[in-house]
PDB file of N, CA and C in Angstrom:
ATOM      1  N   MET A   1     -15.146   8.353  14.684  1.00  0.00           N
ATOM      2  CA  MET A   1     -14.135   8.809  13.737  1.00  0.00           C
ATOM      3  C   MET A   1     -14.819   9.023  12.380  1.00  0.00           C
ATOM      4  N   ASN A   2     -14.640  10.223  11.838  1.00  0.00           N
ATOM      5  CA  ASN A   2     -15.290  10.481  10.555  1.00  0.00           C
ATOM      6  C   ASN A   2     -14.486   9.902   9.391  1.00  0.00           C
ATOM      7  N   ASN A   3     -15.066   9.983   8.191  1.00  0.00           N
ATOM      8  CA  ASN A   3     -14.487   9.332   7.022  1.00  0.00           C
ATOM      9  C   ASN A   3     -13.118   9.897   6.652  1.00  0.00           C
ATOM     10  N   GLN A   4     -12.939  11.218   6.767  1.00  0.00           N
ATOM     11  CA  GLN A   4     -11.663  11.862   6.400  1.00  0.00           C
ATOM     12  C   GLN A   4     -10.525  11.327   7.284  1.00  0.00           C
ATOM     13  N   GLU A   5     -10.785  11.211   8.583  1.00  0.00           N
ATOM     14  CA  GLU A   5      -9.762  10.695   9.506  1.00  0.00           C
ATOM     15  C   GLU A   5      -9.430   9.240   9.174  1.00  0.00           C
ATOM     16  N   ARG A   6     -10.446   8.455   8.864  1.00  0.00           N
ATOM     17  CA  ARG A   6     -10.231   7.042   8.510  1.00  0.00           C
ATOM     18  C   ARG A   6      -9.343   6.933   7.276  1.00  0.00           C
ATOM     19  N   LEU A   7      -9.597   7.757   6.252  1.00  0.00           N
ATOM     20  CA  LEU A   7      -8.802   7.697   5.022  1.00  0.00           C
ATOM     21  C   LEU A   7      -7.338   8.058   5.288  1.00  0.00           C
ATOM     22  N   MET A   8      -7.097   8.980   6.207  1.00  0.00           N
ATOM     23  CA  MET A   8      -5.720   9.393   6.503  1.00  0.00           C
ATOM     24  C   MET A   8      -4.937   8.289   7.209  1.00  0.00           C
ATOM     25  N   LYS A   9      -5.631   7.337   7.826  1.00  0.00           N
ATOM     26  CA  LYS A   9      -4.949   6.270   8.572  1.00  0.00           C
ATOM     27  C   LYS A   9      -4.809   4.968   7.783  1.00  0.00           C
ATOM     28  N   ILE A  10      -5.432   4.883   6.606  1.00  0.00           N
ATOM     29  CA  ILE A  10      -5.439   3.616   5.854  1.00  0.00           C
ATOM     30  C   ILE A  10      -4.069   3.265   5.299  1.00  0.00           C
ATOM     31  N   LEU A  11      -3.367   4.233   4.680  1.00  0.00           N
ATOM     32  CA  LEU A  11      -2.049   3.957   4.098  1.00  0.00           C
ATOM     33  C   LEU A  11      -1.001   3.991   5.207  1.00  0.00           C
ATOM     34  N   LEU A  12      -0.328   2.872   5.424  1.00  0.00           N
ATOM     35  CA  LEU A  12       0.680   2.808   6.485  1.00  0.00           C
ATOM     36  C   LEU A  12       2.054   3.236   5.983  1.00  0.00           C
ATOM     37  N   ALA A  13       2.450   2.730   4.813  1.00  0.00           N
ATOM     38  CA  ALA A  13       3.776   3.052   4.269  1.00  0.00           C
ATOM     39  C   ALA A  13       3.859   2.571   2.833  1.00  0.00           C
ATOM     40  N   PRO A  14       4.717   3.200   2.030  1.00  0.00           N
ATOM     41  CA  PRO A  14       4.969   2.622   0.710  1.00  0.00           C
ATOM     42  C   PRO A  14       5.779   1.345   0.893  1.00  0.00           C
ATOM     43  N   HIS A  15       5.504   0.343   0.084  1.00  0.00           N
ATOM     44  CA  HIS A  15       6.249  -0.919   0.169  1.00  0.00           C
ATOM     45  C   HIS A  15       7.320  -0.894  -0.917  1.00  0.00           C
ATOM     46  N   LEU A  16       8.566  -0.830  -0.504  1.00  0.00           N
ATOM     47  CA  LEU A  16       9.678  -0.725  -1.437  1.00  0.00           C
ATOM     48  C   LEU A  16      10.391  -2.066  -1.543  1.00  0.00           C
ATOM     49  N   SER A  17      10.378  -2.634  -2.741  1.00  0.00           N
ATOM     50  CA  SER A  17      11.053  -3.904  -2.998  1.00  0.00           C
ATOM     51  C   SER A  17      11.382  -3.963  -4.484  1.00  0.00           C
ATOM     52  N   GLU A  18      12.096  -4.993  -4.883  1.00  0.00           N
ATOM     53  CA  GLU A  18      12.426  -5.142  -6.306  1.00  0.00           C
ATOM     54  C   GLU A  18      11.159  -5.313  -7.132  1.00  0.00           C
ATOM     55  N   LYS A  19      10.221  -6.104  -6.640  1.00  0.00           N
ATOM     56  CA  LYS A  19       8.973  -6.309  -7.366  1.00  0.00           C
ATOM     57  C   LYS A  19       8.179  -5.012  -7.445  1.00  0.00           C
ATOM     58  N   ALA A  20       8.149  -4.242  -6.367  1.00  0.00           N
ATOM     59  CA  ALA A  20       7.426  -2.971  -6.373  1.00  0.00           C
ATOM     60  C   ALA A  20       8.032  -2.005  -7.394  1.00  0.00           C
ATOM     61  N   ASN A  21       9.363  -1.979  -7.490  1.00  0.00           N
ATOM     62  CA  ASN A  21      10.015  -1.128  -8.492  1.00  0.00           C
ATOM     63  C   ASN A  21       9.681  -1.583  -9.907  1.00  0.00           C
ATOM     64  N   ARG A  22       9.623  -2.896 -10.109  1.00  0.00           N
ATOM     65  CA  ARG A  22       9.325  -3.444 -11.430  1.00  0.00           C
ATOM     66  C   ARG A  22       7.909  -3.074 -11.874  1.00  0.00           C
ATOM     67  N   VAL A  23       6.919  -3.232 -10.988  1.00  0.00           N
ATOM     68  CA  VAL A  23       5.546  -2.894 -11.375  1.00  0.00           C
ATOM     69  C   VAL A  23       5.366  -1.391 -11.525  1.00  0.00           C
ATOM     70  N   ALA A  24       6.146  -0.604 -10.783  1.00  0.00           N
ATOM     71  CA  ALA A  24       6.065   0.850 -10.914  1.00  0.00           C
ATOM     72  C   ALA A  24       6.520   1.281 -12.305  1.00  0.00           C
ATOM     73  N   GLU A  25       7.612   0.705 -12.773  1.00  0.00           N
ATOM     74  CA  GLU A  25       8.139   1.077 -14.091  1.00  0.00           C
ATOM     75  C   GLU A  25       7.278   0.514 -15.222  1.00  0.00           C
ATOM     76  N   ARG A  26       6.865  -0.736 -15.105  1.00  0.00           N
ATOM     77  CA  ARG A  26       6.185  -1.404 -16.214  1.00  0.00           C
ATOM     78  C   ARG A  26       4.698  -1.071 -16.307  1.00  0.00           C
ATOM     79  N   TYR A  27       4.013  -0.991 -15.163  1.00  0.00           N
ATOM     80  CA  TYR A  27       2.556  -0.866 -15.181  1.00  0.00           C
ATOM     81  C   TYR A  27       2.037   0.430 -14.550  1.00  0.00           C
ATOM     82  N   ASN A  28       2.913   1.347 -14.191  1.00  0.00           N
ATOM     83  CA  ASN A  28       2.521   2.607 -13.537  1.00  0.00           C
ATOM     84  C   ASN A  28       1.695   2.327 -12.275  1.00  0.00           C
ATOM     85  N   GLN A  29       2.214   1.410 -11.446  1.00  0.00           N
ATOM     86  CA  GLN A  29       1.558   1.065 -10.191  1.00  0.00           C
ATOM     87  C   GLN A  29       2.444   1.472  -9.017  1.00  0.00           C
ATOM     88  N   VAL A  30       1.797   1.708  -7.868  1.00  0.00           N
ATOM     89  CA  VAL A  30       2.501   1.999  -6.628  1.00  0.00           C
ATOM     90  C   VAL A  30       2.019   0.984  -5.602  1.00  0.00           C
ATOM     91  N   VAL A  31       2.925   0.501  -4.747  1.00  0.00           N
ATOM     92  CA  VAL A  31       2.574  -0.524  -3.766  1.00  0.00           C
ATOM     93  C   VAL A  31       2.632   0.082  -2.366  1.00  0.00           C
ATOM     94  N   PHE A  32       1.570  -0.155  -1.582  1.00  0.00           N
ATOM     95  CA  PHE A  32       1.482   0.367  -0.215  1.00  0.00           C
ATOM     96  C   PHE A  32       1.188  -0.752   0.760  1.00  0.00           C
ATOM     97  N   LYS A  33       1.696  -0.609   2.006  1.00  0.00           N
ATOM     98  CA  LYS A  33       1.200  -1.404   3.120  1.00  0.00           C
ATOM     99  C   LYS A  33      -0.026  -0.662   3.631  1.00  0.00           C
ATOM    100  N   VAL A  34      -1.122  -1.386   3.840  1.00  0.00           N
ATOM    101  CA  VAL A  34      -2.366  -0.746   4.276  1.00  0.00           C
ATOM    102  C   VAL A  34      -2.939  -1.486   5.479  1.00  0.00           C
ATOM    103  N   LEU A  35      -3.932  -0.876   6.128  1.00  0.00           N
ATOM    104  CA  LEU A  35      -4.608  -1.532   7.243  1.00  0.00           C
ATOM    105  C   LEU A  35      -5.251  -2.828   6.772  1.00  0.00           C
ATOM    106  N   CYS A  36      -5.264  -3.839   7.634  1.00  0.00           N
ATOM    107  CA  CYS A  36      -5.792  -5.148   7.246  1.00  0.00           C
ATOM    108  C   CYS A  36      -7.289  -5.121   6.953  1.00  0.00           C
ATOM    109  N   ASP A  37      -8.021  -4.162   7.529  1.00  0.00           N
ATOM    110  CA  ASP A  37      -9.465  -4.107   7.289  1.00  0.00           C
ATOM    111  C   ASP A  37      -9.850  -3.080   6.224  1.00  0.00           C
ATOM    112  N   ALA A  38      -8.861  -2.538   5.497  1.00  0.00           N
ATOM    113  CA  ALA A  38      -9.132  -1.539   4.458  1.00  0.00           C
ATOM    114  C   ALA A  38      -9.744  -2.199   3.231  1.00  0.00           C
ATOM    115  N   THR A  39     -10.704  -1.502   2.612  1.00  0.00           N
ATOM    116  CA  THR A  39     -11.335  -2.006   1.400  1.00  0.00           C
ATOM    117  C   THR A  39     -10.737  -1.312   0.185  1.00  0.00           C
ATOM    118  N   LYS A  40     -10.978  -1.869  -1.010  1.00  0.00           N
ATOM    119  CA  LYS A  40     -10.444  -1.275  -2.235  1.00  0.00           C
ATOM    120  C   LYS A  40     -10.944   0.161  -2.453  1.00  0.00           C
ATOM    121  N   PRO A  41     -12.246   0.450  -2.283  1.00  0.00           N
ATOM    122  CA  PRO A  41     -12.690   1.844  -2.459  1.00  0.00           C
ATOM    123  C   PRO A  41     -12.046   2.803  -1.451  1.00  0.00           C
ATOM    124  N   GLU A  42     -11.847   2.334  -0.206  1.00  0.00           N
ATOM    125  CA  GLU A  42     -11.187   3.181   0.792  1.00  0.00           C
ATOM    126  C   GLU A  42      -9.742   3.464   0.404  1.00  0.00           C
ATOM    127  N   ILE A  43      -9.035   2.456  -0.087  1.00  0.00           N
ATOM    128  CA  ILE A  43      -7.639   2.635  -0.499  1.00  0.00           C
ATOM    129  C   ILE A  43      -7.568   3.619  -1.659  1.00  0.00           C
ATOM    130  N   LYS A  44      -8.471   3.473  -2.631  1.00  0.00           N
ATOM    131  CA  LYS A  44      -8.505   4.390  -3.771  1.00  0.00           C
ATOM    132  C   LYS A  44      -8.727   5.823  -3.301  1.00  0.00           C
ATOM    133  N   ASP A  45      -9.715   6.031  -2.444  1.00  0.00           N
ATOM    134  CA  ASP A  45     -10.019   7.380  -1.945  1.00  0.00           C
ATOM    135  C   ASP A  45      -8.849   7.947  -1.145  1.00  0.00           C
ATOM    136  N   ALA A  46      -8.181   7.104  -0.349  1.00  0.00           N
ATOM    137  CA  ALA A  46      -7.064   7.560   0.468  1.00  0.00           C
ATOM    138  C   ALA A  46      -5.891   8.024  -0.397  1.00  0.00           C
ATOM    139  N   VAL A  47      -5.565   7.262  -1.443  1.00  0.00           N
ATOM    140  CA  VAL A  47      -4.451   7.631  -2.324  1.00  0.00           C
ATOM    141  C   VAL A  47      -4.786   8.921  -3.069  1.00  0.00           C
ATOM    142  N   GLU A  48      -6.020   9.023  -3.569  1.00  0.00           N
ATOM    143  CA  GLU A  48      -6.411  10.245  -4.291  1.00  0.00           C
ATOM    144  C   GLU A  48      -6.392  11.457  -3.382  1.00  0.00           C
ATOM    145  N   LEU A  49      -6.807  11.284  -2.126  1.00  0.00           N
ATOM    146  CA  LEU A  49      -6.815  12.388  -1.169  1.00  0.00           C
ATOM    147  C   LEU A  49      -5.403  12.822  -0.785  1.00  0.00           C
ATOM    148  N   MET A  50      -4.541  11.856  -0.463  1.00  0.00           N
ATOM    149  CA  MET A  50      -3.225  12.190   0.084  1.00  0.00           C
ATOM    150  C   MET A  50      -2.217  12.630  -0.972  1.00  0.00           C
ATOM    151  N   PHE A  51      -2.307  12.086  -2.193  1.00  0.00           N
ATOM    152  CA  PHE A  51      -1.292  12.377  -3.203  1.00  0.00           C
ATOM    153  C   PHE A  51      -1.810  13.182  -4.385  1.00  0.00           C
ATOM    154  N   ASN A  52      -3.128  13.497  -4.385  1.00  0.00           N
ATOM    155  CA  ASN A  52      -3.721  14.323  -5.427  1.00  0.00           C
ATOM    156  C   ASN A  52      -3.466  13.756  -6.826  1.00  0.00           C
ATOM    157  N   VAL A  53      -3.738  12.452  -6.987  1.00  0.00           N
ATOM    158  CA  VAL A  53      -3.591  11.764  -8.274  1.00  0.00           C
ATOM    159  C   VAL A  53      -4.895  11.032  -8.580  1.00  0.00           C
ATOM    160  N   LYS A  54      -5.061  10.607  -9.828  1.00  0.00           N
ATOM    161  CA  LYS A  54      -6.225   9.820 -10.225  1.00  0.00           C
ATOM    162  C   LYS A  54      -5.851   8.338 -10.217  1.00  0.00           C
ATOM    163  N   VAL A  55      -6.644   7.515  -9.535  1.00  0.00           N
ATOM    164  CA  VAL A  55      -6.400   6.083  -9.429  1.00  0.00           C
ATOM    165  C   VAL A  55      -7.297   5.349 -10.413  1.00  0.00           C
ATOM    166  N   GLN A  56      -6.693   4.442 -11.178  1.00  0.00           N
ATOM    167  CA  GLN A  56      -7.446   3.650 -12.151  1.00  0.00           C
ATOM    168  C   GLN A  56      -8.068   2.435 -11.483  1.00  0.00           C
ATOM    169  N   SER A  57      -7.249   1.670 -10.730  1.00  0.00           N
ATOM    170  CA  SER A  57      -7.758   0.479 -10.050  1.00  0.00           C
ATOM    171  C   SER A  57      -6.872   0.128  -8.867  1.00  0.00           C
ATOM    172  N   VAL A  58      -7.398  -0.747  -8.011  1.00  0.00           N
ATOM    173  CA  VAL A  58      -6.666  -1.200  -6.824  1.00  0.00           C
ATOM    174  C   VAL A  58      -6.766  -2.720  -6.745  1.00  0.00           C
ATOM    175  N   THR A  59      -5.634  -3.375  -6.523  1.00  0.00           N
ATOM    176  CA  THR A  59      -5.597  -4.817  -6.286  1.00  0.00           C
ATOM    177  C   THR A  59      -4.951  -5.029  -4.925  1.00  0.00           C
ATOM    178  N   VAL A  60      -5.499  -5.940  -4.129  1.00  0.00           N
ATOM    179  CA  VAL A  60      -4.945  -6.165  -2.796  1.00  0.00           C
ATOM    180  C   VAL A  60      -4.455  -7.598  -2.651  1.00  0.00           C
ATOM    181  N   ALA A  61      -3.490  -7.769  -1.755  1.00  0.00           N
ATOM    182  CA  ALA A  61      -2.972  -9.099  -1.424  1.00  0.00           C
ATOM    183  C   ALA A  61      -2.809  -9.178   0.087  1.00  0.00           C
ATOM    184  N   ASN A  62      -3.357 -10.225   0.679  1.00  0.00           N
ATOM    185  CA  ASN A  62      -3.154 -10.462   2.105  1.00  0.00           C
ATOM    186  C   ASN A  62      -1.883 -11.283   2.266  1.00  0.00           C
ATOM    187  N   VAL A  63      -0.916 -10.748   3.002  1.00  0.00           N
ATOM    188  CA  VAL A  63       0.384 -11.398   3.165  1.00  0.00           C
ATOM    189  C   VAL A  63       0.435 -12.053   4.542  1.00  0.00           C
ATOM    190  N   LYS A  64       0.700 -13.332   4.553  1.00  0.00           N
ATOM    191  CA  LYS A  64       0.803 -14.061   5.816  1.00  0.00           C
ATOM    192  C   LYS A  64       2.158 -13.780   6.457  1.00  0.00           C
ATOM    193  N   GLY A  65       2.171 -13.609   7.775  1.00  0.00           N
ATOM    194  CA  GLY A  65       3.410 -13.373   8.491  1.00  0.00           C
ATOM    195  C   GLY A  65       4.291 -14.610   8.485  1.00  0.00           C
ATOM    196  N   LYS A  66       5.595 -14.377   8.364  1.00  0.00           N
ATOM    197  CA  LYS A  66       6.530 -15.509   8.332  1.00  0.00           C
ATOM    198  C   LYS A  66       6.670 -16.132   9.718  1.00  0.00           C
ATOM    199  N   ARG A  67       6.856 -17.435   9.735  1.00  0.00           N
ATOM    200  CA  ARG A  67       7.179 -18.119  10.995  1.00  0.00           C
ATOM    201  C   ARG A  67       8.677 -17.934  11.237  1.00  0.00           C
ATOM    202  N   LYS A  68       9.022 -17.474  12.412  1.00  0.00           N
ATOM    203  CA  LYS A  68      10.419 -17.214  12.749  1.00  0.00           C
ATOM    204  C   LYS A  68      10.760 -17.938  14.040  1.00  0.00           C
ATOM    205  N   ARG A  69      12.061 -18.160  14.204  1.00  0.00           N
ATOM    206  CA  ARG A  69      12.533 -18.839  15.406  1.00  0.00           C
ATOM    207  C   ARG A  69      13.483 -17.914  16.145  1.00  0.00           C
ATOM    208  N   PHE A  70      13.246 -17.746  17.432  1.00  0.00           N
ATOM    209  CA  PHE A  70      14.111 -16.939  18.285  1.00  0.00           C
ATOM    210  C   PHE A  70      14.717 -17.866  19.325  1.00  0.00           C
ATOM    211  N   GLY A  71      15.879 -18.451  19.003  1.00  0.00           N
ATOM    212  CA  GLY A  71      16.474 -19.453  19.884  1.00  0.00           C
ATOM    213  C   GLY A  71      15.593 -20.680  19.896  1.00  0.00           C
ATOM    214  N   ALA A  72      15.114 -21.053  21.080  1.00  0.00           N
ATOM    215  CA  ALA A  72      14.262 -22.241  21.201  1.00  0.00           C
ATOM    216  C   ALA A  72      12.782 -21.889  21.052  1.00  0.00           C
ATOM    217  N   ILE A  73      12.477 -20.615  20.942  1.00  0.00           N
ATOM    218  CA  ILE A  73      11.084 -20.169  20.895  1.00  0.00           C
ATOM    219  C   ILE A  73      10.675 -19.908  19.449  1.00  0.00           C
ATOM    220  N   TYR A  74       9.519 -20.450  19.070  1.00  0.00           N
ATOM    221  CA  TYR A  74       8.972 -20.191  17.741  1.00  0.00           C
ATOM    222  C   TYR A  74       7.945 -19.076  17.828  1.00  0.00           C
ATOM    223  N   GLY A  75       7.953 -18.205  16.840  1.00  0.00           N
ATOM    224  CA  GLY A  75       6.993 -17.123  16.805  1.00  0.00           C
ATOM    225  C   GLY A  75       6.544 -16.884  15.383  1.00  0.00           C
ATOM    226  N   GLN A  76       5.703 -15.875  15.206  1.00  0.00           N
ATOM    227  CA  GLN A  76       5.224 -15.536  13.878  1.00  0.00           C
ATOM    228  C   GLN A  76       5.094 -14.032  13.762  1.00  0.00           C
ATOM    229  N   ARG A  77       5.559 -13.501  12.627  1.00  0.00           N
ATOM    230  CA  ARG A  77       5.370 -12.085  12.351  1.00  0.00           C
ATOM    231  C   ARG A  77       3.897 -11.830  12.038  1.00  0.00           C
ATOM    232  N   SER A  78       3.477 -10.601  12.178  1.00  0.00           N
ATOM    233  CA  SER A  78       2.079 -10.252  11.954  1.00  0.00           C
ATOM    234  C   SER A  78       1.708 -10.381  10.480  1.00  0.00           C
ATOM    235  N   ASP A  79       0.450 -10.750  10.227  1.00  0.00           N
ATOM    236  CA  ASP A  79      -0.080 -10.724   8.869  1.00  0.00           C
ATOM    237  C   ASP A  79      -0.286  -9.255   8.479  1.00  0.00           C
ATOM    238  N   TRP A  80      -0.223  -8.969   7.170  1.00  0.00           N
ATOM    239  CA  TRP A  80      -0.440  -7.601   6.714  1.00  0.00           C
ATOM    240  C   TRP A  80      -1.040  -7.604   5.324  1.00  0.00           C
ATOM    241  N   LYS A  81      -1.520  -6.445   4.905  1.00  0.00           N
ATOM    242  CA  LYS A  81      -2.178  -6.318   3.602  1.00  0.00           C
ATOM    243  C   LYS A  81      -1.382  -5.374   2.726  1.00  0.00           C
ATOM    244  N   LYS A  82      -1.257  -5.761   1.455  1.00  0.00           N
ATOM    245  CA  LYS A  82      -0.504  -4.996   0.474  1.00  0.00           C
ATOM    246  C   LYS A  82      -1.461  -4.571  -0.626  1.00  0.00           C
ATOM    247  N   ALA A  83      -1.370  -3.294  -1.054  1.00  0.00           N
ATOM    248  CA  ALA A  83      -2.253  -2.791  -2.104  1.00  0.00           C
ATOM    249  C   ALA A  83      -1.433  -2.342  -3.300  1.00  0.00           C
ATOM    250  N   TYR A  84      -1.779  -2.878  -4.484  1.00  0.00           N
ATOM    251  CA  TYR A  84      -1.186  -2.432  -5.737  1.00  0.00           C
ATOM    252  C   TYR A  84      -2.141  -1.412  -6.345  1.00  0.00           C
ATOM    253  N   VAL A  85      -1.710  -0.147  -6.410  1.00  0.00           N
ATOM    254  CA  VAL A  85      -2.564   0.940  -6.890  1.00  0.00           C
ATOM    255  C   VAL A  85      -2.126   1.317  -8.302  1.00  0.00           C
ATOM    256  N   SER A  86      -3.014   1.110  -9.288  1.00  0.00           N
ATOM    257  CA  SER A  86      -2.732   1.493 -10.674  1.00  0.00           C
ATOM    258  C   SER A  86      -3.169   2.934 -10.875  1.00  0.00           C
ATOM    259  N   LEU A  87      -2.237   3.763 -11.360  1.00  0.00           N
ATOM    260  CA  LEU A  87      -2.533   5.168 -11.590  1.00  0.00           C
ATOM    261  C   LEU A  87      -2.940   5.388 -13.040  1.00  0.00           C
ATOM    262  N   GLU A  88      -3.740   6.431 -13.263  1.00  0.00           N
ATOM    263  CA  GLU A  88      -4.112   6.809 -14.629  1.00  0.00           C
ATOM    264  C   GLU A  88      -2.845   7.203 -15.384  1.00  0.00           C
ATOM    265  N   SER A  89      -2.868   7.110 -16.708  1.00  0.00           N
ATOM    266  CA  SER A  89      -1.681   7.463 -17.489  1.00  0.00           C
ATOM    267  C   SER A  89      -1.372   8.947 -17.303  1.00  0.00           C
ATOM    268  N   GLY A  90      -0.094   9.241 -17.166  1.00  0.00           N
ATOM    269  CA  GLY A  90       0.346  10.620 -16.934  1.00  0.00           C
ATOM    270  C   GLY A  90       0.439  10.983 -15.462  1.00  0.00           C
ATOM    271  N   GLN A  91      -0.094  10.138 -14.568  1.00  0.00           N
ATOM    272  CA  GLN A  91      -0.038  10.396 -13.126  1.00  0.00           C
ATOM    273  C   GLN A  91       1.152   9.649 -12.538  1.00  0.00           C
ATOM    274  N   GLU A  92       1.777  10.238 -11.510  1.00  0.00           N
ATOM    275  CA  GLU A  92       2.841   9.519 -10.807  1.00  0.00           C
ATOM    276  C   GLU A  92       2.980  10.053  -9.391  1.00  0.00           C
ATOM    277  N   ILE A  93       3.497   9.206  -8.513  1.00  0.00           N
ATOM    278  CA  ILE A  93       3.786   9.580  -7.128  1.00  0.00           C
ATOM    279  C   ILE A  93       5.284   9.431  -6.942  1.00  0.00           C
ATOM    280  N   ASP A  94       5.936  10.499  -6.519  1.00  0.00           N
ATOM    281  CA  ASP A  94       7.378  10.471  -6.286  1.00  0.00           C
ATOM    282  C   ASP A  94       7.639  10.593  -4.800  1.00  0.00           C
ATOM    283  N   PHE A  95       8.122   9.526  -4.171  1.00  0.00           N
ATOM    284  CA  PHE A  95       8.340   9.527  -2.731  1.00  0.00           C
ATOM    285  C   PHE A  95       9.627  10.223  -2.329  1.00  0.00           C
ATOM    286  N   LEU A  96      10.510  10.528  -3.280  1.00  0.00           N
ATOM    287  CA  LEU A  96      11.804  11.124  -2.960  1.00  0.00           C
ATOM    288  C   LEU A  96      11.743  12.638  -2.847  1.00  0.00           C
ATOM    289  N   VAL A  97      10.656  13.241  -3.285  1.00  0.00           N
ATOM    290  CA  VAL A  97      10.535  14.692  -3.258  1.00  0.00           C
ATOM    291  C   VAL A  97       9.987  15.118  -1.895  1.00  0.00           C
ATOM    292  N   ALA A  98      10.749  15.966  -1.206  1.00  0.00           N
ATOM    293  CA  ALA A  98      10.295  16.500   0.084  1.00  0.00           C
ATOM    294  C   ALA A  98       9.649  17.859  -0.159  1.00  0.00           C
ATOM    295  N   GLU A  99       8.402  17.986   0.280  1.00  0.00           N
ATOM    296  CA  GLU A  99       7.696  19.248   0.059  1.00  0.00           C
ATOM    297  C   GLU A  99       7.657  20.073   1.320  1.00  0.00           C
TER     298      GLU A  99
END
């Protein structure tokens, strides 16, 4: 698999939550769910490639899956990685616009 294909698969979905909305408004950041083995430079390149914006920095957080109970059976949701992408001033990503 070449580098271009890898970059297209790194971003899984935008992460929409109250905290994500708060950082978007206050710090011009966007939050994504990303592959667990993705690196910060790969995430930066993927966002710049897919959304045609300039990325200032990337911060990542590894999120542990919650322990859940299904009747008498205990299980655990999958672990996942979250990326906070800071955009350069004047840049923005609008997920509501359908092109």
